[in-house]
Amino acid sequence: SMIPAQRAADLAIRADLADESGWCPINADDFESRRHPGVHVIGDACLSAPIPKSAFAANSQAKLCAGAIAAMFNGTARPQPRLLNTCYSLLSTTEAISVSGFYASAEGKLAIVTEGMSPLSGGAELRHREARQAYAWYDNISYDSFGAK
């Protein structure tokens, strides 16, 4: 089987939020659309490279975007873009590996501040700890997003 071409959802395409790349260009400081001011796009639909398209990253983007919108309504300074991402991959029910990153806005673009991953030489205790962290992350993001596990 083949993986279809990846792009923003049909809704974003029909709303003219996506450009010729199929993704929605945004301002790095607040995730406002570059095509339609006043509209903000987060998550998989937006052009936010080098930030990965992950639930953790989208949650971080949502918080920055909400802070920027609140600042706009309050006439205060927008928060400085500081975005986090961690992706866990379970190897079994008790072992995991991860990649993580810290990102910021630099010269109007999103940029890597630092990125890292589980060391290849990590032992069993590290893999077990990362699995516990993966489950805790899931519980936390579920509560943060929906108010329940």
C-alpha atoms as a PDB file:
ATOM      1  CA  SER A   1       0.000   0.000   0.000  1.00  0.00           C
ATOM      2  CA  MET A   2       1.036   3.592  -0.489  1.00  0.00           C
ATOM      3  CA  ILE A   3       0.918   6.538   1.857  1.00  0.00           C
ATOM      4  CA  PRO A   4      -1.082   9.358   0.242  1.00  0.00           C
ATOM      5  CA  ALA A   5       0.498  12.757  -0.230  1.00  0.00           C
ATOM      6  CA  GLN A   6       0.455  14.633   3.050  1.00  0.00           C
ATOM      7  CA  ARG A   7      -1.168  18.074   3.245  1.00  0.00           C
ATOM      8  CA  ALA A   8      -3.534  20.167   5.312  1.00  0.00           C
ATOM      9  CA  ALA A   9      -7.144  18.977   5.581  1.00  0.00           C
ATOM     10  CA  ASP A  10      -9.714  19.812   2.917  1.00  0.00           C
ATOM     11  CA  LEU A  11     -11.248  22.425   5.224  1.00  0.00           C
ATOM     12  CA  ALA A  12      -7.968  24.390   5.250  1.00  0.00           C
ATOM     13  CA  ILE A  13      -7.643  24.044   1.462  1.00  0.00           C
ATOM     14  CA  ARG A  14     -11.230  25.240   0.856  1.00  0.00           C
ATOM     15  CA  ALA A  15     -10.729  28.153   3.279  1.00  0.00           C
ATOM     16  CA  ASP A  16      -7.692  29.254   1.223  1.00  0.00           C
ATOM     17  CA  LEU A  17      -5.417  28.901   4.231  1.00  0.00           C
ATOM     18  CA  ALA A  18      -2.983  26.566   2.463  1.00  0.00           C
ATOM     19  CA  ASP A  19      -0.492  27.640  -0.168  1.00  0.00           C
ATOM     20  CA  GLU A  20       0.852  25.672  -3.137  1.00  0.00           C
ATOM     21  CA  SER A  21       2.786  23.408  -0.752  1.00  0.00           C
ATOM     22  CA  GLY A  22      -0.520  22.084   0.622  1.00  0.00           C
ATOM     23  CA  TRP A  23       0.242  23.449   4.100  1.00  0.00           C
ATOM     24  CA  CYS A  24      -0.836  26.634   5.879  1.00  0.00           C
ATOM     25  CA  PRO A  25       1.887  29.296   6.182  1.00  0.00           C
ATOM     26  CA  ILE A  26       1.882  31.013   9.577  1.00  0.00           C
ATOM     27  CA  ASN A  27       3.680  33.799  11.406  1.00  0.00           C
ATOM     28  CA  ALA A  28       6.241  32.201  13.706  1.00  0.00           C
ATOM     29  CA  ASP A  29       5.436  34.543  16.596  1.00  0.00           C
ATOM     30  CA  ASP A  30       1.746  33.710  17.016  1.00  0.00           C
ATOM     31  CA  PHE A  31       0.648  31.106  14.422  1.00  0.00           C
ATOM     32  CA  GLU A  32      -1.532  33.658  12.642  1.00  0.00           C
ATOM     33  CA  SER A  33      -2.174  32.771   9.009  1.00  0.00           C
ATOM     34  CA  ARG A  34       0.016  34.586   6.497  1.00  0.00           C
ATOM     35  CA  ARG A  35      -2.821  34.300   3.982  1.00  0.00           C
ATOM     36  CA  HIS A  36      -5.720  35.473   6.163  1.00  0.00           C
ATOM     37  CA  PRO A  37      -4.922  37.779   9.108  1.00  0.00           C
ATOM     38  CA  GLY A  38      -7.047  37.115  12.169  1.00  0.00           C
ATOM     39  CA  VAL A  39      -7.095  33.355  11.525  1.00  0.00           C
ATOM     40  CA  HIS A  40      -4.672  31.162  13.462  1.00  0.00           C
ATOM     41  CA  VAL A  41      -3.549  27.685  12.396  1.00  0.00           C
ATOM     42  CA  ILE A  42      -1.853  25.138  14.646  1.00  0.00           C
ATOM     43  CA  GLY A  43      -0.969  21.461  14.531  1.00  0.00           C
ATOM     44  CA  ASP A  44      -0.516  19.298  11.493  1.00  0.00           C
ATOM     45  CA  ALA A  45      -2.036  21.820   9.068  1.00  0.00           C
ATOM     46  CA  CYS A  46       0.508  24.586   9.587  1.00  0.00           C
ATOM     47  CA  LEU A  47       3.952  25.103   8.119  1.00  0.00           C
ATOM     48  CA  SER A  48       5.844  25.015  11.401  1.00  0.00           C
ATOM     49  CA  ALA A  49       9.091  23.318  10.390  1.00  0.00           C
ATOM     50  CA  PRO A  50      11.421  22.491  12.028  1.00  0.00           C
ATOM     51  CA  ILE A  51       8.846  21.586  14.698  1.00  0.00           C
ATOM     52  CA  PRO A  52       7.550  18.039  14.086  1.00  0.00           C
ATOM     53  CA  LYS A  53       3.897  17.359  13.451  1.00  0.00           C
ATOM     54  CA  SER A  54       3.001  15.749  16.782  1.00  0.00           C
ATOM     55  CA  ALA A  55       0.321  16.031  19.450  1.00  0.00           C
ATOM     56  CA  PHE A  56       2.860  17.386  21.937  1.00  0.00           C
ATOM     57  CA  ALA A  57       3.963  20.084  19.461  1.00  0.00           C
ATOM     58  CA  ALA A  58       0.362  21.002  18.611  1.00  0.00           C
ATOM     59  CA  ASN A  59      -0.445  21.355  22.321  1.00  0.00           C
ATOM     60  CA  SER A  60       2.554  23.655  22.751  1.00  0.00           C
ATOM     61  CA  GLN A  61       1.486  25.656  19.680  1.00  0.00           C
ATOM     62  CA  ALA A  62      -2.067  25.963  21.016  1.00  0.00           C
ATOM     63  CA  LYS A  63      -0.828  27.476  24.267  1.00  0.00           C
ATOM     64  CA  LEU A  64       1.388  29.989  22.465  1.00  0.00           C
ATOM     65  CA  CYS A  65      -1.433  30.861  20.067  1.00  0.00           C
ATOM     66  CA  ALA A  66      -3.958  31.309  22.910  1.00  0.00           C
ATOM     67  CA  GLY A  67      -1.505  33.571  24.744  1.00  0.00           C
ATOM     68  CA  ALA A  68      -0.947  35.639  21.596  1.00  0.00           C
ATOM     69  CA  ILE A  69      -4.686  36.024  20.969  1.00  0.00           C
ATOM     70  CA  ALA A  70      -5.308  37.000  24.609  1.00  0.00           C
ATOM     71  CA  ALA A  71      -2.493  39.574  24.382  1.00  0.00           C
ATOM     72  CA  MET A  72      -4.032  40.983  21.197  1.00  0.00           C
ATOM     73  CA  PHE A  73      -7.410  41.442  22.922  1.00  0.00           C
ATOM     74  CA  ASN A  74      -5.784  42.896  26.050  1.00  0.00           C
ATOM     75  CA  GLY A  75      -3.442  45.216  24.132  1.00  0.00           C
ATOM     76  CA  THR A  76      -0.383  43.668  25.794  1.00  0.00           C
ATOM     77  CA  ALA A  77       2.817  42.203  24.405  1.00  0.00           C
ATOM     78  CA  ARG A  78       2.602  38.744  22.869  1.00  0.00           C
ATOM     79  CA  PRO A  79       4.401  35.948  24.682  1.00  0.00           C
ATOM     80  CA  GLN A  80       7.802  35.025  23.293  1.00  0.00           C
ATOM     81  CA  PRO A  81       7.548  31.860  21.188  1.00  0.00           C
ATOM     82  CA  ARG A  82       9.008  28.991  23.199  1.00  0.00           C
ATOM     83  CA  LEU A  83       7.734  25.635  22.013  1.00  0.00           C
ATOM     84  CA  LEU A  84       8.410  22.111  23.229  1.00  0.00           C
ATOM     85  CA  ASN A  85       8.029  18.686  21.692  1.00  0.00           C
ATOM     86  CA  THR A  86       8.644  15.170  22.917  1.00  0.00           C
ATOM     87  CA  CYS A  87       7.636  12.053  21.017  1.00  0.00           C
ATOM     88  CA  TYR A  88       7.695   8.688  22.734  1.00  0.00           C
ATOM     89  CA  SER A  89       7.752   5.373  20.897  1.00  0.00           C
ATOM     90  CA  LEU A  90       6.851   2.321  22.920  1.00  0.00           C
ATOM     91  CA  LEU A  91       9.072  -0.653  22.107  1.00  0.00           C
ATOM     92  CA  SER A  92       6.951  -2.876  24.361  1.00  0.00           C
ATOM     93  CA  THR A  93       4.460  -2.207  27.137  1.00  0.00           C
ATOM     94  CA  THR A  94       7.364  -1.468  29.497  1.00  0.00           C
ATOM     95  CA  GLU A  95      10.097   0.025  27.276  1.00  0.00           C
ATOM     96  CA  ALA A  96      10.235   3.201  25.187  1.00  0.00           C
ATOM     97  CA  ILE A  97      12.533   5.609  23.372  1.00  0.00           C
ATOM     98  CA  SER A  98      12.019   9.318  22.728  1.00  0.00           C
ATOM     99  CA  VAL A  99      13.019  12.366  20.746  1.00  0.00           C
ATOM    100  CA  SER A 100      12.586  15.890  22.078  1.00  0.00           C
ATOM    101  CA  GLY A 101      13.114  19.464  21.057  1.00  0.00           C
ATOM    102  CA  PHE A 102      12.938  23.054  22.194  1.00  0.00           C
ATOM    103  CA  TYR A 103      12.087  25.686  19.564  1.00  0.00           C
ATOM    104  CA  ALA A 104      11.850  29.467  19.390  1.00  0.00           C
ATOM    105  CA  SER A 105      11.232  32.227  16.876  1.00  0.00           C
ATOM    106  CA  ALA A 106      14.344  33.714  15.293  1.00  0.00           C
ATOM    107  CA  GLU A 107      14.206  36.379  12.589  1.00  0.00           C
ATOM    108  CA  GLY A 108      10.536  35.632  11.900  1.00  0.00           C
ATOM    109  CA  LYS A 109      11.005  31.880  11.511  1.00  0.00           C
ATOM    110  CA  LEU A 110      10.768  28.962  13.882  1.00  0.00           C
ATOM    111  CA  ALA A 111      14.191  27.604  14.781  1.00  0.00           C
ATOM    112  CA  ILE A 112      15.693  24.747  16.749  1.00  0.00           C
ATOM    113  CA  VAL A 113      17.141  25.780  20.095  1.00  0.00           C
ATOM    114  CA  THR A 114      18.051  22.202  21.006  1.00  0.00           C
ATOM    115  CA  GLU A 115      16.990  18.685  20.024  1.00  0.00           C
ATOM    116  CA  GLY A 116      17.866  15.283  21.403  1.00  0.00           C
ATOM    117  CA  MET A 117      16.955  11.632  21.525  1.00  0.00           C
ATOM    118  CA  SER A 118      17.285   8.600  23.733  1.00  0.00           C
ATOM    119  CA  PRO A 119      20.877   7.383  23.673  1.00  0.00           C
ATOM    120  CA  LEU A 120      21.344   4.238  21.613  1.00  0.00           C
ATOM    121  CA  SER A 121      23.377   2.779  24.461  1.00  0.00           C
ATOM    122  CA  GLY A 122      20.579   3.354  27.003  1.00  0.00           C
ATOM    123  CA  GLY A 123      20.026   0.412  29.289  1.00  0.00           C
ATOM    124  CA  ALA A 124      16.893  -1.304  30.521  1.00  0.00           C
ATOM    125  CA  GLU A 125      16.253   1.187  33.353  1.00  0.00           C
ATOM    126  CA  LEU A 126      16.298   4.115  30.889  1.00  0.00           C
ATOM    127  CA  ARG A 127      13.880   2.324  28.536  1.00  0.00           C
ATOM    128  CA  HIS A 128      11.574   1.504  31.469  1.00  0.00           C
ATOM    129  CA  ARG A 129      11.709   5.104  32.740  1.00  0.00           C
ATOM    130  CA  GLU A 130      10.867   6.430  29.280  1.00  0.00           C
ATOM    131  CA  ALA A 131       7.898   4.063  29.065  1.00  0.00           C
ATOM    132  CA  ARG A 132       6.622   5.407  32.404  1.00  0.00           C
ATOM    133  CA  GLN A 133       7.133   8.945  31.078  1.00  0.00           C
ATOM    134  CA  ALA A 134       5.223   8.070  27.885  1.00  0.00           C
ATOM    135  CA  TYR A 135       2.221   6.845  29.879  1.00  0.00           C
ATOM    136  CA  ALA A 136       2.393   9.894  32.163  1.00  0.00           C
ATOM    137  CA  TRP A 137       2.587  12.181  29.121  1.00  0.00           C
ATOM    138  CA  TYR A 138      -0.537  10.569  27.686  1.00  0.00           C
ATOM    139  CA  ASP A 139      -2.434  11.024  30.950  1.00  0.00           C
ATOM    140  CA  ASN A 140      -1.281  14.648  31.227  1.00  0.00           C
ATOM    141  CA  ILE A 141      -2.085  15.682  27.656  1.00  0.00           C
ATOM    142  CA  SER A 142      -5.472  13.943  27.856  1.00  0.00           C
ATOM    143  CA  TYR A 143      -6.289  15.885  31.014  1.00  0.00           C
ATOM    144  CA  ASP A 144      -4.848  19.120  29.593  1.00  0.00           C
ATOM    145  CA  SER A 145      -6.819  18.770  26.357  1.00  0.00           C
ATOM    146  CA  PHE A 146     -10.082  17.223  27.521  1.00  0.00           C
ATOM    147  CA  GLY A 147     -10.161  17.539  31.308  1.00  0.00           C
ATOM    148  CA  ALA A 148     -10.086  13.771  31.807  1.00  0.00           C
ATOM    149  CA  LYS A 149      -7.883  10.765  31.188  1.00  0.00           C
END
